[in-house]
Amino acid sequence: MLYIVPTPIGNLEDITLRALTVLREADVVACEDTRTSGVLLQHYKIETPRTSFHAFNEAGKVDFLISRLQQGETVALISDAGTPGISDPGFSLVRAAVQAGVLVEVLPGATAFVPALVVSGLPCDRFVFEGFLPVKKGRQTRMKALAEETRTMVFYESPHRILKTLDGFVALFGPDRPACVARELSKKFEEVVRGTLSSVRTHFNNDAKVRGEFVLIIGGKPA
């Protein structure tokens, strides 16, 4: 059995009792970063063996994990934070497991974009999740294609690119498009900034050191 296990995006208490049980009883925990996951596992005194599974070793590690699953072992897949497969490694292993006839079960749990979307105050009955924009090639093309999107849009962004991304959307969508930026959700320095693209950009421009994990929510194009 392959279990996909969401882990806290910040506060270590944001994990389900079932997730803890699965992590304790699995034969191996596949981690995006064994050191990062080690903090969580040690906090809950979970001593299950760990193995790395990240963007740089996915291709070689999938066959290894599928082999163990086919031998009857239980593998729990976790990422550094949130739900594996949502802008994190995981899709390739799930696909391979399905193709190999291995049972896959996904536990409900933490993911950053849902609380950010709800707290934004923007319409969340219909939305589109874009994850991370391309870093270089195709970035501008993707942003331009979204200019006509009428649904609320959700993006992940790094502290190194958030200002550039906001600048790009101000230029393409206009300065008055409603927006919200949520960063460090569930952590000590959690911050939610609502307003227009222009006002949100100004807020972070005044921040000497932009830090944290960001979720950017932008309202859709008005009818």
N, C-alpha and C. Protein backbone atom coordinates (compact mmCIF):
# COMPACT_ATOMS: atom_id res chain seq x y z
N MET A 1 0.83 -1.19 0.00
CA MET A 1 0.00 0.00 0.00
C MET A 1 0.87 1.25 0.00
N LEU A 2 0.53 2.18 -0.87
CA LEU A 2 1.20 3.48 -0.89
C LEU A 2 0.26 4.50 -0.26
N TYR A 3 0.74 5.16 0.80
CA TYR A 3 -0.03 6.21 1.44
C TYR A 3 0.58 7.57 1.09
N ILE A 4 -0.26 8.50 0.68
CA ILE A 4 0.18 9.87 0.46
C ILE A 4 -0.26 10.65 1.69
N VAL A 5 0.72 11.15 2.44
CA VAL A 5 0.43 11.72 3.76
C VAL A 5 0.75 13.21 3.80
N PRO A 6 -0.25 14.06 3.96
CA PRO A 6 0.01 15.50 4.11
C PRO A 6 0.69 15.78 5.45
N THR A 7 1.60 16.74 5.45
CA THR A 7 2.28 17.14 6.68
C THR A 7 2.07 18.63 6.91
N PRO A 8 2.27 19.12 8.13
CA PRO A 8 2.00 20.52 8.44
C PRO A 8 2.78 21.49 7.55
N ILE A 9 2.14 22.61 7.22
CA ILE A 9 2.83 23.64 6.43
C ILE A 9 3.58 24.60 7.34
N GLY A 10 3.43 24.43 8.63
CA GLY A 10 4.12 25.28 9.60
C GLY A 10 3.98 24.73 11.00
N ASN A 11 2.84 24.98 11.60
CA ASN A 11 2.57 24.51 12.97
C ASN A 11 2.53 22.99 13.01
N LEU A 12 3.40 22.39 13.80
CA LEU A 12 3.52 20.93 13.84
C LEU A 12 2.28 20.24 14.38
N GLU A 13 1.37 20.99 15.00
CA GLU A 13 0.14 20.39 15.51
C GLU A 13 -0.90 20.18 14.41
N ASP A 14 -0.64 20.73 13.23
CA ASP A 14 -1.59 20.59 12.13
C ASP A 14 -1.37 19.29 11.36
N ILE A 15 -1.48 18.19 12.06
CA ILE A 15 -1.36 16.86 11.44
C ILE A 15 -2.43 15.98 12.06
N THR A 16 -3.00 15.09 11.27
CA THR A 16 -4.09 14.27 11.78
C THR A 16 -3.56 13.07 12.57
N LEU A 17 -4.41 12.55 13.45
CA LEU A 17 -4.05 11.36 14.22
C LEU A 17 -3.82 10.18 13.28
N ARG A 18 -4.62 10.10 12.22
CA ARG A 18 -4.45 9.01 11.27
C ARG A 18 -3.11 9.10 10.55
N ALA A 19 -2.70 10.32 10.20
CA ALA A 19 -1.41 10.49 9.54
C ALA A 19 -0.28 10.00 10.43
N LEU A 20 -0.35 10.29 11.72
CA LEU A 20 0.68 9.84 12.65
C LEU A 20 0.70 8.31 12.74
N THR A 21 -0.48 7.71 12.73
CA THR A 21 -0.55 6.25 12.78
C THR A 21 0.09 5.63 11.55
N VAL A 22 -0.22 6.17 10.38
CA VAL A 22 0.35 5.65 9.13
C VAL A 22 1.87 5.79 9.13
N LEU A 23 2.37 6.94 9.57
CA LEU A 23 3.82 7.16 9.59
C LEU A 23 4.52 6.20 10.56
N ARG A 24 3.86 5.88 11.64
CA ARG A 24 4.46 4.95 12.62
C ARG A 24 4.46 3.52 12.10
N GLU A 25 3.40 3.13 11.39
CA GLU A 25 3.23 1.73 11.00
C GLU A 25 3.81 1.40 9.63
N ALA A 26 4.21 2.40 8.85
CA ALA A 26 4.77 2.14 7.53
C ALA A 26 6.12 1.44 7.64
N ASP A 27 6.49 0.74 6.58
CA ASP A 27 7.81 0.12 6.54
C ASP A 27 8.89 1.14 6.22
N VAL A 28 8.53 2.16 5.46
CA VAL A 28 9.48 3.21 5.12
C VAL A 28 8.71 4.50 4.84
N VAL A 29 9.31 5.62 5.20
CA VAL A 29 8.75 6.93 4.87
C VAL A 29 9.63 7.57 3.80
N ALA A 30 9.04 7.83 2.64
CA ALA A 30 9.76 8.51 1.56
C ALA A 30 9.59 10.01 1.75
N CYS A 31 10.71 10.72 1.91
CA CYS A 31 10.68 12.14 2.28
C CYS A 31 11.31 13.00 1.19
N GLU A 32 10.73 14.17 0.98
CA GLU A 32 11.34 15.13 0.05
C GLU A 32 12.73 15.52 0.56
N ASP A 33 12.86 15.75 1.85
CA ASP A 33 14.14 16.04 2.49
C ASP A 33 14.13 15.33 3.84
N THR A 34 14.99 14.34 4.00
CA THR A 34 14.98 13.54 5.23
C THR A 34 15.30 14.37 6.46
N ARG A 35 16.07 15.44 6.28
CA ARG A 35 16.40 16.28 7.44
C ARG A 35 15.20 17.12 7.87
N THR A 36 14.52 17.70 6.88
CA THR A 36 13.34 18.50 7.19
C THR A 36 12.26 17.63 7.82
N SER A 37 12.00 16.48 7.21
CA SER A 37 10.99 15.57 7.74
C SER A 37 11.40 15.01 9.09
N GLY A 38 12.71 14.92 9.31
CA GLY A 38 13.20 14.41 10.58
C GLY A 38 12.74 15.24 11.76
N VAL A 39 12.60 16.55 11.57
CA VAL A 39 12.13 17.42 12.65
C VAL A 39 10.72 17.02 13.06
N LEU A 40 9.85 16.80 12.08
CA LEU A 40 8.48 16.39 12.38
C LEU A 40 8.44 15.01 13.01
N LEU A 41 9.15 14.06 12.43
CA LEU A 41 9.10 12.69 12.92
C LEU A 41 9.69 12.58 14.32
N GLN A 42 10.75 13.30 14.58
CA GLN A 42 11.33 13.28 15.92
C GLN A 42 10.42 13.93 16.94
N HIS A 43 9.71 14.97 16.51
CA HIS A 43 8.77 15.67 17.40
C HIS A 43 7.71 14.69 17.91
N TYR A 44 7.28 13.79 17.03
CA TYR A 44 6.25 12.81 17.41
C TYR A 44 6.83 11.44 17.74
N LYS A 45 8.15 11.39 17.92
CA LYS A 45 8.85 10.16 18.32
C LYS A 45 8.53 9.00 17.37
N ILE A 46 8.59 9.30 16.08
CA ILE A 46 8.37 8.29 15.05
C ILE A 46 9.73 7.84 14.52
N GLU A 47 10.01 6.56 14.61
CA GLU A 47 11.33 6.05 14.26
C GLU A 47 11.34 5.21 12.99
N THR A 48 10.31 5.32 12.19
CA THR A 48 10.23 4.58 10.94
C THR A 48 11.40 4.97 10.03
N PRO A 49 12.05 3.98 9.38
CA PRO A 49 13.16 4.30 8.47
C PRO A 49 12.72 5.29 7.39
N ARG A 50 13.66 6.17 7.00
CA ARG A 50 13.36 7.18 5.99
C ARG A 50 14.25 6.99 4.77
N THR A 51 13.72 7.37 3.62
CA THR A 51 14.50 7.39 2.39
C THR A 51 14.13 8.65 1.62
N SER A 52 15.06 9.22 0.89
CA SER A 52 14.80 10.47 0.19
C SER A 52 14.02 10.22 -1.11
N PHE A 53 13.14 11.14 -1.42
CA PHE A 53 12.40 11.11 -2.68
C PHE A 53 12.09 12.55 -3.06
N HIS A 54 12.88 13.10 -3.97
CA HIS A 54 12.74 14.51 -4.31
C HIS A 54 12.89 14.70 -5.82
N ALA A 55 12.80 15.96 -6.25
CA ALA A 55 12.78 16.28 -7.68
C ALA A 55 14.03 15.80 -8.40
N PHE A 56 15.15 15.68 -7.69
CA PHE A 56 16.41 15.34 -8.34
C PHE A 56 16.69 13.84 -8.38
N ASN A 57 15.91 13.04 -7.64
CA ASN A 57 16.15 11.59 -7.70
C ASN A 57 14.88 10.80 -8.00
N GLU A 58 13.80 11.52 -8.37
CA GLU A 58 12.52 10.85 -8.64
C GLU A 58 12.66 9.72 -9.65
N ALA A 59 13.31 10.02 -10.77
CA ALA A 59 13.37 9.04 -11.85
C ALA A 59 13.97 7.72 -11.40
N GLY A 60 15.05 7.78 -10.62
CA GLY A 60 15.69 6.56 -10.16
C GLY A 60 15.02 5.92 -8.97
N LYS A 61 14.31 6.71 -8.16
CA LYS A 61 13.74 6.20 -6.91
C LYS A 61 12.38 5.55 -7.10
N VAL A 62 11.66 5.91 -8.16
CA VAL A 62 10.33 5.35 -8.37
C VAL A 62 10.38 3.83 -8.46
N ASP A 63 11.27 3.30 -9.29
CA ASP A 63 11.36 1.85 -9.46
C ASP A 63 11.70 1.16 -8.14
N PHE A 64 12.58 1.77 -7.36
CA PHE A 64 12.98 1.22 -6.06
C PHE A 64 11.78 1.11 -5.13
N LEU A 65 10.99 2.18 -5.07
CA LEU A 65 9.83 2.19 -4.17
C LEU A 65 8.73 1.27 -4.67
N ILE A 66 8.52 1.23 -5.98
CA ILE A 66 7.50 0.33 -6.54
C ILE A 66 7.87 -1.12 -6.25
N SER A 67 9.15 -1.43 -6.34
CA SER A 67 9.60 -2.79 -6.04
C SER A 67 9.26 -3.17 -4.60
N ARG A 68 9.49 -2.27 -3.69
CA ARG A 68 9.18 -2.54 -2.28
C ARG A 68 7.68 -2.68 -2.07
N LEU A 69 6.91 -1.85 -2.76
CA LEU A 69 5.45 -1.94 -2.65
C LEU A 69 4.95 -3.28 -3.19
N GLN A 70 5.52 -3.74 -4.28
CA GLN A 70 5.10 -5.00 -4.87
C GLN A 70 5.49 -6.21 -4.02
N GLN A 71 6.44 -6.00 -3.12
CA GLN A 71 6.82 -7.06 -2.19
C GLN A 71 5.93 -7.07 -0.95
N GLY A 72 4.93 -6.18 -0.94
CA GLY A 72 3.98 -6.17 0.15
C GLY A 72 4.27 -5.15 1.24
N GLU A 73 5.28 -4.31 1.04
CA GLU A 73 5.61 -3.32 2.06
C GLU A 73 4.66 -2.11 1.97
N THR A 74 4.61 -1.36 3.04
CA THR A 74 3.82 -0.13 3.09
C THR A 74 4.76 1.06 3.02
N VAL A 75 4.52 1.95 2.06
CA VAL A 75 5.34 3.15 1.89
C VAL A 75 4.46 4.37 2.16
N ALA A 76 4.95 5.27 3.00
CA ALA A 76 4.28 6.54 3.26
C ALA A 76 5.09 7.64 2.59
N LEU A 77 4.47 8.38 1.71
CA LEU A 77 5.15 9.47 1.00
C LEU A 77 4.77 10.80 1.63
N ILE A 78 5.78 11.58 2.01
CA ILE A 78 5.53 12.92 2.54
C ILE A 78 6.45 13.91 1.83
N SER A 79 6.04 15.19 1.83
CA SER A 79 6.89 16.25 1.30
C SER A 79 7.35 17.11 2.46
N ASP A 80 8.10 18.15 2.17
CA ASP A 80 8.57 19.02 3.25
C ASP A 80 7.42 19.66 4.00
N ALA A 81 6.34 19.96 3.28
CA ALA A 81 5.17 20.59 3.89
C ALA A 81 3.99 20.45 2.94
N GLY A 82 2.82 20.19 3.49
CA GLY A 82 1.62 20.11 2.68
C GLY A 82 1.41 18.72 2.09
N THR A 83 0.66 18.66 1.01
CA THR A 83 0.27 17.40 0.39
C THR A 83 1.18 17.07 -0.79
N PRO A 84 1.85 15.92 -0.77
CA PRO A 84 2.70 15.53 -1.90
C PRO A 84 1.89 15.51 -3.20
N GLY A 85 2.54 15.97 -4.27
CA GLY A 85 1.87 16.01 -5.56
C GLY A 85 1.32 17.37 -5.89
N ILE A 86 1.08 18.21 -4.88
CA ILE A 86 0.60 19.57 -5.10
C ILE A 86 1.80 20.50 -5.07
N SER A 87 2.37 20.75 -6.25
CA SER A 87 3.60 21.55 -6.39
C SER A 87 4.75 20.96 -5.58
N ASP A 88 4.71 19.66 -5.36
CA ASP A 88 5.75 18.92 -4.66
C ASP A 88 5.92 17.57 -5.33
N PRO A 89 7.06 16.89 -5.14
CA PRO A 89 7.23 15.56 -5.73
C PRO A 89 6.12 14.61 -5.28
N GLY A 90 5.74 13.70 -6.16
CA GLY A 90 4.72 12.73 -5.78
C GLY A 90 3.95 12.16 -6.96
N PHE A 91 3.70 13.00 -7.96
CA PHE A 91 2.89 12.56 -9.09
C PHE A 91 3.46 11.32 -9.76
N SER A 92 4.77 11.31 -10.01
CA SER A 92 5.37 10.20 -10.75
C SER A 92 5.24 8.88 -9.99
N LEU A 93 5.35 8.94 -8.66
CA LEU A 93 5.22 7.72 -7.86
C LEU A 93 3.78 7.24 -7.84
N VAL A 94 2.84 8.15 -7.69
CA VAL A 94 1.43 7.76 -7.71
C VAL A 94 1.06 7.13 -9.05
N ARG A 95 1.49 7.75 -10.14
CA ARG A 95 1.20 7.21 -11.47
C ARG A 95 1.79 5.82 -11.65
N ALA A 96 3.04 5.64 -11.22
CA ALA A 96 3.68 4.34 -11.37
C ALA A 96 2.99 3.28 -10.51
N ALA A 97 2.56 3.67 -9.31
CA ALA A 97 1.87 2.73 -8.43
C ALA A 97 0.54 2.30 -9.04
N VAL A 98 -0.20 3.25 -9.60
CA VAL A 98 -1.48 2.93 -10.24
C VAL A 98 -1.25 1.98 -11.42
N GLN A 99 -0.24 2.27 -12.22
CA GLN A 99 0.06 1.42 -13.38
C GLN A 99 0.51 0.03 -12.97
N ALA A 100 1.13 -0.07 -11.79
CA ALA A 100 1.62 -1.38 -11.32
C ALA A 100 0.55 -2.14 -10.53
N GLY A 101 -0.62 -1.54 -10.38
CA GLY A 101 -1.69 -2.21 -9.66
C GLY A 101 -1.54 -2.15 -8.16
N VAL A 102 -0.73 -1.22 -7.67
CA VAL A 102 -0.53 -1.05 -6.23
C VAL A 102 -1.64 -0.16 -5.67
N LEU A 103 -2.17 -0.53 -4.51
CA LEU A 103 -3.19 0.29 -3.88
C LEU A 103 -2.60 1.62 -3.42
N VAL A 104 -3.31 2.69 -3.69
CA VAL A 104 -2.88 4.03 -3.30
C VAL A 104 -3.98 4.67 -2.47
N GLU A 105 -3.61 5.23 -1.34
CA GLU A 105 -4.58 5.94 -0.51
C GLU A 105 -4.02 7.30 -0.14
N VAL A 106 -4.81 8.34 -0.38
CA VAL A 106 -4.40 9.70 -0.08
C VAL A 106 -5.15 10.18 1.16
N LEU A 107 -4.40 10.56 2.18
CA LEU A 107 -5.01 11.07 3.40
C LEU A 107 -5.35 12.55 3.24
N PRO A 108 -6.48 13.00 3.76
CA PRO A 108 -6.77 14.43 3.74
C PRO A 108 -5.90 15.16 4.74
N GLY A 109 -5.61 16.41 4.44
CA GLY A 109 -4.78 17.15 5.39
C GLY A 109 -4.29 18.47 4.84
N ALA A 110 -3.20 18.94 5.41
CA ALA A 110 -2.72 20.30 5.17
C ALA A 110 -2.29 20.54 3.72
N THR A 111 -2.62 21.72 3.23
CA THR A 111 -2.08 22.25 1.99
C THR A 111 -2.21 23.76 2.08
N ALA A 112 -1.27 24.50 1.54
CA ALA A 112 -1.21 25.93 1.78
C ALA A 112 -2.28 26.73 1.06
N PHE A 113 -2.66 26.30 -0.16
CA PHE A 113 -3.50 27.20 -0.95
C PHE A 113 -4.94 27.27 -0.46
N VAL A 114 -5.44 26.23 0.20
CA VAL A 114 -6.84 26.26 0.65
C VAL A 114 -7.08 27.32 1.74
N PRO A 115 -6.31 27.32 2.84
CA PRO A 115 -6.52 28.38 3.83
C PRO A 115 -6.24 29.78 3.28
N ALA A 116 -5.26 29.89 2.38
CA ALA A 116 -4.96 31.20 1.79
C ALA A 116 -6.13 31.69 0.94
N LEU A 117 -6.71 30.80 0.17
CA LEU A 117 -7.84 31.17 -0.69
C LEU A 117 -9.04 31.60 0.16
N VAL A 118 -9.33 30.83 1.19
CA VAL A 118 -10.49 31.13 2.02
C VAL A 118 -10.31 32.45 2.77
N VAL A 119 -9.11 32.69 3.32
CA VAL A 119 -8.88 33.89 4.11
C VAL A 119 -8.74 35.15 3.24
N SER A 120 -8.56 34.97 1.95
CA SER A 120 -8.36 36.12 1.06
C SER A 120 -9.58 37.02 0.97
N GLY A 121 -10.74 36.44 1.16
CA GLY A 121 -11.96 37.22 0.99
C GLY A 121 -12.40 37.33 -0.46
N LEU A 122 -11.66 36.72 -1.37
CA LEU A 122 -12.02 36.70 -2.79
C LEU A 122 -12.91 35.48 -3.08
N PRO A 123 -13.70 35.52 -4.15
CA PRO A 123 -14.60 34.40 -4.44
C PRO A 123 -13.85 33.07 -4.51
N CYS A 124 -14.35 32.08 -3.80
CA CYS A 124 -13.67 30.78 -3.82
C CYS A 124 -14.61 29.64 -4.21
N ASP A 125 -15.78 30.01 -4.78
CA ASP A 125 -16.68 28.96 -5.27
C ASP A 125 -16.15 28.36 -6.57
N ARG A 126 -15.43 29.18 -7.34
CA ARG A 126 -14.77 28.71 -8.55
C ARG A 126 -13.39 29.35 -8.61
N PHE A 127 -12.36 28.55 -8.76
CA PHE A 127 -11.00 29.09 -8.79
C PHE A 127 -10.11 28.18 -9.63
N VAL A 128 -8.94 28.69 -9.99
CA VAL A 128 -7.97 27.92 -10.74
C VAL A 128 -6.65 27.95 -9.98
N PHE A 129 -6.07 26.78 -9.76
CA PHE A 129 -4.80 26.67 -9.05
C PHE A 129 -3.68 26.56 -10.07
N GLU A 130 -2.76 27.53 -10.06
CA GLU A 130 -1.67 27.56 -11.03
C GLU A 130 -0.34 27.10 -10.44
N GLY A 131 -0.25 26.99 -9.13
CA GLY A 131 1.01 26.59 -8.52
C GLY A 131 2.10 27.61 -8.81
N PHE A 132 3.32 27.13 -9.04
CA PHE A 132 4.44 28.01 -9.37
C PHE A 132 4.44 28.34 -10.86
N LEU A 133 4.60 29.60 -11.18
CA LEU A 133 4.78 29.98 -12.58
C LEU A 133 6.15 29.50 -13.06
N PRO A 134 6.32 29.31 -14.37
CA PRO A 134 7.65 28.96 -14.88
C PRO A 134 8.67 30.00 -14.43
N VAL A 135 9.86 29.55 -14.10
CA VAL A 135 10.88 30.49 -13.61
C VAL A 135 11.37 31.40 -14.72
N LYS A 136 11.58 30.86 -15.91
CA LYS A 136 12.11 31.67 -17.01
C LYS A 136 11.29 31.45 -18.28
N LYS A 137 11.59 30.41 -19.01
CA LYS A 137 10.92 30.15 -20.28
C LYS A 137 9.43 29.91 -20.09
N GLY A 138 8.61 30.65 -20.79
CA GLY A 138 7.17 30.47 -20.74
C GLY A 138 6.47 31.24 -19.64
N ARG A 139 7.23 31.94 -18.81
CA ARG A 139 6.64 32.66 -17.68
C ARG A 139 5.71 33.79 -18.17
N GLN A 140 6.23 34.65 -19.05
CA GLN A 140 5.44 35.77 -19.55
C GLN A 140 4.24 35.29 -20.35
N THR A 141 4.44 34.24 -21.13
CA THR A 141 3.35 33.68 -21.94
C THR A 141 2.22 33.17 -21.06
N ARG A 142 2.60 32.50 -19.96
CA ARG A 142 1.59 31.96 -19.05
C ARG A 142 0.82 33.08 -18.36
N MET A 143 1.53 34.12 -17.95
CA MET A 143 0.88 35.24 -17.29
C MET A 143 -0.09 35.95 -18.23
N LYS A 144 0.32 36.14 -19.47
CA LYS A 144 -0.55 36.79 -20.45
C LYS A 144 -1.80 35.97 -20.72
N ALA A 145 -1.65 34.64 -20.75
CA ALA A 145 -2.79 33.77 -21.02
C ALA A 145 -3.84 33.84 -19.92
N LEU A 146 -3.41 34.22 -18.71
CA LEU A 146 -4.33 34.29 -17.58
C LEU A 146 -5.04 35.64 -17.47
N ALA A 147 -4.68 36.58 -18.31
CA ALA A 147 -5.27 37.92 -18.23
C ALA A 147 -6.78 37.91 -18.45
N GLU A 148 -7.29 36.91 -19.20
CA GLU A 148 -8.72 36.82 -19.48
C GLU A 148 -9.44 35.86 -18.54
N GLU A 149 -8.72 35.27 -17.59
CA GLU A 149 -9.33 34.31 -16.66
C GLU A 149 -10.33 35.02 -15.75
N THR A 150 -11.55 34.49 -15.67
CA THR A 150 -12.58 35.12 -14.85
C THR A 150 -12.68 34.52 -13.45
N ARG A 151 -12.05 33.35 -13.25
CA ARG A 151 -12.07 32.74 -11.92
C ARG A 151 -10.94 33.30 -11.06
N THR A 152 -11.09 33.17 -9.76
CA THR A 152 -10.01 33.54 -8.84
C THR A 152 -8.80 32.67 -9.13
N MET A 153 -7.62 33.25 -9.13
CA MET A 153 -6.39 32.52 -9.45
C MET A 153 -5.49 32.39 -8.23
N VAL A 154 -4.87 31.22 -8.10
CA VAL A 154 -4.04 30.91 -6.93
C VAL A 154 -2.65 30.52 -7.41
N PHE A 155 -1.64 31.15 -6.82
CA PHE A 155 -0.25 30.88 -7.20
C PHE A 155 0.59 30.64 -5.96
N TYR A 156 1.63 29.85 -6.11
CA TYR A 156 2.69 29.77 -5.11
C TYR A 156 3.85 30.60 -5.63
N GLU A 157 4.60 31.22 -4.72
CA GLU A 157 5.77 31.99 -5.15
C GLU A 157 6.82 32.00 -4.05
N SER A 158 8.06 32.14 -4.47
CA SER A 158 9.19 32.19 -3.53
C SER A 158 9.45 33.64 -3.14
N PRO A 159 10.14 33.85 -2.00
CA PRO A 159 10.46 35.23 -1.60
C PRO A 159 11.38 35.94 -2.59
N HIS A 160 12.13 35.17 -3.37
CA HIS A 160 13.07 35.76 -4.31
C HIS A 160 12.39 36.33 -5.56
N ARG A 161 11.15 35.85 -5.84
CA ARG A 161 10.48 36.28 -7.07
C ARG A 161 9.14 36.98 -6.82
N ILE A 162 8.70 37.09 -5.58
CA ILE A 162 7.37 37.62 -5.33
C ILE A 162 7.21 39.04 -5.85
N LEU A 163 8.21 39.91 -5.66
CA LEU A 163 8.09 41.30 -6.13
C LEU A 163 8.04 41.36 -7.65
N LYS A 164 8.88 40.58 -8.29
CA LYS A 164 8.88 40.54 -9.75
C LYS A 164 7.55 40.03 -10.28
N THR A 165 7.01 39.02 -9.61
CA THR A 165 5.72 38.45 -10.03
C THR A 165 4.60 39.47 -9.87
N LEU A 166 4.59 40.18 -8.75
CA LEU A 166 3.58 41.22 -8.54
C LEU A 166 3.71 42.33 -9.59
N ASP A 167 4.93 42.71 -9.90
CA ASP A 167 5.15 43.72 -10.94
C ASP A 167 4.57 43.26 -12.27
N GLY A 168 4.79 41.99 -12.58
CA GLY A 168 4.29 41.45 -13.85
C GLY A 168 2.77 41.47 -13.91
N PHE A 169 2.13 41.11 -12.81
CA PHE A 169 0.67 41.09 -12.81
C PHE A 169 0.09 42.50 -12.81
N VAL A 170 0.74 43.44 -12.13
CA VAL A 170 0.29 44.83 -12.18
C VAL A 170 0.29 45.32 -13.63
N ALA A 171 1.35 45.00 -14.35
CA ALA A 171 1.48 45.45 -15.74
C ALA A 171 0.44 44.79 -16.65
N LEU A 172 0.15 43.52 -16.42
CA LEU A 172 -0.74 42.77 -17.31
C LEU A 172 -2.22 42.87 -16.92
N PHE A 173 -2.48 42.86 -15.62
CA PHE A 173 -3.87 42.84 -15.14
C PHE A 173 -4.37 44.22 -14.74
N GLY A 174 -3.46 45.16 -14.57
CA GLY A 174 -3.83 46.49 -14.10
C GLY A 174 -3.64 46.61 -12.60
N PRO A 175 -3.37 47.81 -12.10
CA PRO A 175 -3.06 48.01 -10.69
C PRO A 175 -4.23 47.81 -9.75
N ASP A 176 -5.47 47.88 -10.27
CA ASP A 176 -6.64 47.84 -9.40
C ASP A 176 -7.28 46.47 -9.24
N ARG A 177 -6.67 45.44 -9.83
CA ARG A 177 -7.24 44.08 -9.70
C ARG A 177 -7.11 43.64 -8.24
N PRO A 178 -8.21 43.14 -7.62
CA PRO A 178 -8.13 42.71 -6.23
C PRO A 178 -7.16 41.55 -6.06
N ALA A 179 -6.44 41.57 -4.94
CA ALA A 179 -5.43 40.53 -4.71
C ALA A 179 -5.21 40.34 -3.21
N CYS A 180 -4.58 39.24 -2.89
CA CYS A 180 -4.23 38.93 -1.50
C CYS A 180 -2.95 38.12 -1.52
N VAL A 181 -2.06 38.44 -0.60
CA VAL A 181 -0.85 37.64 -0.42
C VAL A 181 -0.84 37.11 1.01
N ALA A 182 -0.72 35.81 1.13
CA ALA A 182 -0.61 35.17 2.45
C ALA A 182 0.75 34.53 2.54
N ARG A 183 1.46 34.80 3.61
CA ARG A 183 2.77 34.18 3.75
C ARG A 183 2.94 33.59 5.15
N GLU A 184 3.78 32.57 5.22
CA GLU A 184 4.10 31.91 6.48
C GLU A 184 2.84 31.46 7.23
N LEU A 185 1.89 30.92 6.49
CA LEU A 185 0.64 30.47 7.10
C LEU A 185 0.89 29.45 8.20
N SER A 186 0.21 29.65 9.32
CA SER A 186 0.27 28.80 10.52
C SER A 186 1.58 28.92 11.29
N LYS A 187 2.47 29.82 10.84
CA LYS A 187 3.76 30.01 11.51
C LYS A 187 3.73 31.28 12.36
N LYS A 188 4.79 31.52 13.08
CA LYS A 188 4.87 32.63 14.02
C LYS A 188 4.65 33.98 13.33
N PHE A 189 5.22 34.16 12.14
CA PHE A 189 5.13 35.44 11.46
C PHE A 189 4.12 35.43 10.32
N GLU A 190 3.03 34.70 10.51
CA GLU A 190 1.97 34.66 9.50
C GLU A 190 1.48 36.08 9.19
N GLU A 191 1.26 36.31 7.89
CA GLU A 191 0.79 37.63 7.46
C GLU A 191 -0.15 37.47 6.28
N VAL A 192 -1.27 38.19 6.32
CA VAL A 192 -2.22 38.21 5.22
C VAL A 192 -2.42 39.66 4.80
N VAL A 193 -2.12 39.97 3.54
CA VAL A 193 -2.24 41.34 3.03
C VAL A 193 -3.28 41.34 1.91
N ARG A 194 -4.34 42.11 2.10
CA ARG A 194 -5.41 42.20 1.10
C ARG A 194 -5.46 43.60 0.52
N GLY A 195 -5.92 43.71 -0.72
CA GLY A 195 -6.06 45.02 -1.35
C GLY A 195 -6.09 44.87 -2.85
N THR A 196 -5.43 45.78 -3.54
CA THR A 196 -5.26 45.68 -4.99
C THR A 196 -3.85 45.17 -5.27
N LEU A 197 -3.61 44.77 -6.50
CA LEU A 197 -2.26 44.35 -6.87
C LEU A 197 -1.25 45.44 -6.56
N SER A 198 -1.63 46.68 -6.84
CA SER A 198 -0.72 47.80 -6.61
C SER A 198 -0.44 48.01 -5.13
N SER A 199 -1.47 47.97 -4.29
CA SER A 199 -1.27 48.21 -2.87
C SER A 199 -0.51 47.08 -2.20
N VAL A 200 -0.79 45.85 -2.65
CA VAL A 200 -0.06 44.70 -2.10
C VAL A 200 1.42 44.80 -2.48
N ARG A 201 1.67 45.19 -3.74
CA ARG A 201 3.06 45.35 -4.19
C ARG A 201 3.77 46.42 -3.36
N THR A 202 3.09 47.51 -3.09
CA THR A 202 3.68 48.59 -2.29
C THR A 202 3.99 48.12 -0.88
N HIS A 203 3.10 47.32 -0.31
CA HIS A 203 3.31 46.81 1.04
C HIS A 203 4.63 46.03 1.13
N PHE A 204 4.85 45.14 0.19
CA PHE A 204 6.05 44.32 0.27
C PHE A 204 7.29 45.05 -0.22
N ASN A 205 7.10 46.09 -0.99
CA ASN A 205 8.24 46.91 -1.40
C ASN A 205 8.85 47.63 -0.21
N ASN A 206 8.03 47.88 0.81
CA ASN A 206 8.50 48.56 2.01
C ASN A 206 9.11 47.60 3.03
N ASP A 207 9.08 46.32 2.69
CA ASP A 207 9.66 45.29 3.56
C ASP A 207 11.12 45.12 3.16
N ALA A 208 12.04 45.45 4.06
CA ALA A 208 13.47 45.42 3.72
C ALA A 208 13.92 44.03 3.27
N LYS A 209 13.40 43.00 3.92
CA LYS A 209 13.77 41.63 3.57
C LYS A 209 12.50 40.80 3.44
N VAL A 210 12.14 40.51 2.20
CA VAL A 210 10.95 39.71 1.95
C VAL A 210 11.29 38.24 2.18
N ARG A 211 10.62 37.64 3.14
CA ARG A 211 10.93 36.26 3.50
C ARG A 211 9.65 35.43 3.58
N GLY A 212 9.83 34.14 3.59
CA GLY A 212 8.71 33.24 3.82
C GLY A 212 8.22 32.55 2.57
N GLU A 213 7.21 31.69 2.77
CA GLU A 213 6.56 30.99 1.67
C GLU A 213 5.27 31.75 1.34
N PHE A 214 5.07 32.06 0.07
CA PHE A 214 3.97 32.93 -0.33
C PHE A 214 2.89 32.19 -1.13
N VAL A 215 1.64 32.57 -0.84
CA VAL A 215 0.51 32.20 -1.69
C VAL A 215 -0.10 33.50 -2.18
N LEU A 216 -0.20 33.64 -3.50
CA LEU A 216 -0.76 34.84 -4.11
C LEU A 216 -2.13 34.51 -4.69
N ILE A 217 -3.13 35.27 -4.29
CA ILE A 217 -4.49 35.10 -4.76
C ILE A 217 -4.89 36.35 -5.55
N ILE A 218 -5.36 36.17 -6.78
CA ILE A 218 -5.74 37.30 -7.62
C ILE A 218 -7.18 37.09 -8.11
N GLY A 219 -7.98 38.14 -8.00
CA GLY A 219 -9.35 38.06 -8.48
C GLY A 219 -9.39 37.91 -9.99
N GLY A 220 -10.43 37.23 -10.48
CA GLY A 220 -10.58 37.05 -11.90
C GLY A 220 -10.97 38.34 -12.62
N LYS A 221 -10.87 38.33 -13.93
CA LYS A 221 -11.23 39.51 -14.71
C LYS A 221 -12.72 39.78 -14.56
N PRO A 222 -13.07 41.02 -14.24
CA PRO A 222 -14.49 41.35 -14.08
C PRO A 222 -15.27 41.09 -15.37
N ALA A 223 -16.52 40.69 -15.22
CA ALA A 223 -17.36 40.43 -16.39
C ALA A 223 -17.59 41.73 -17.16
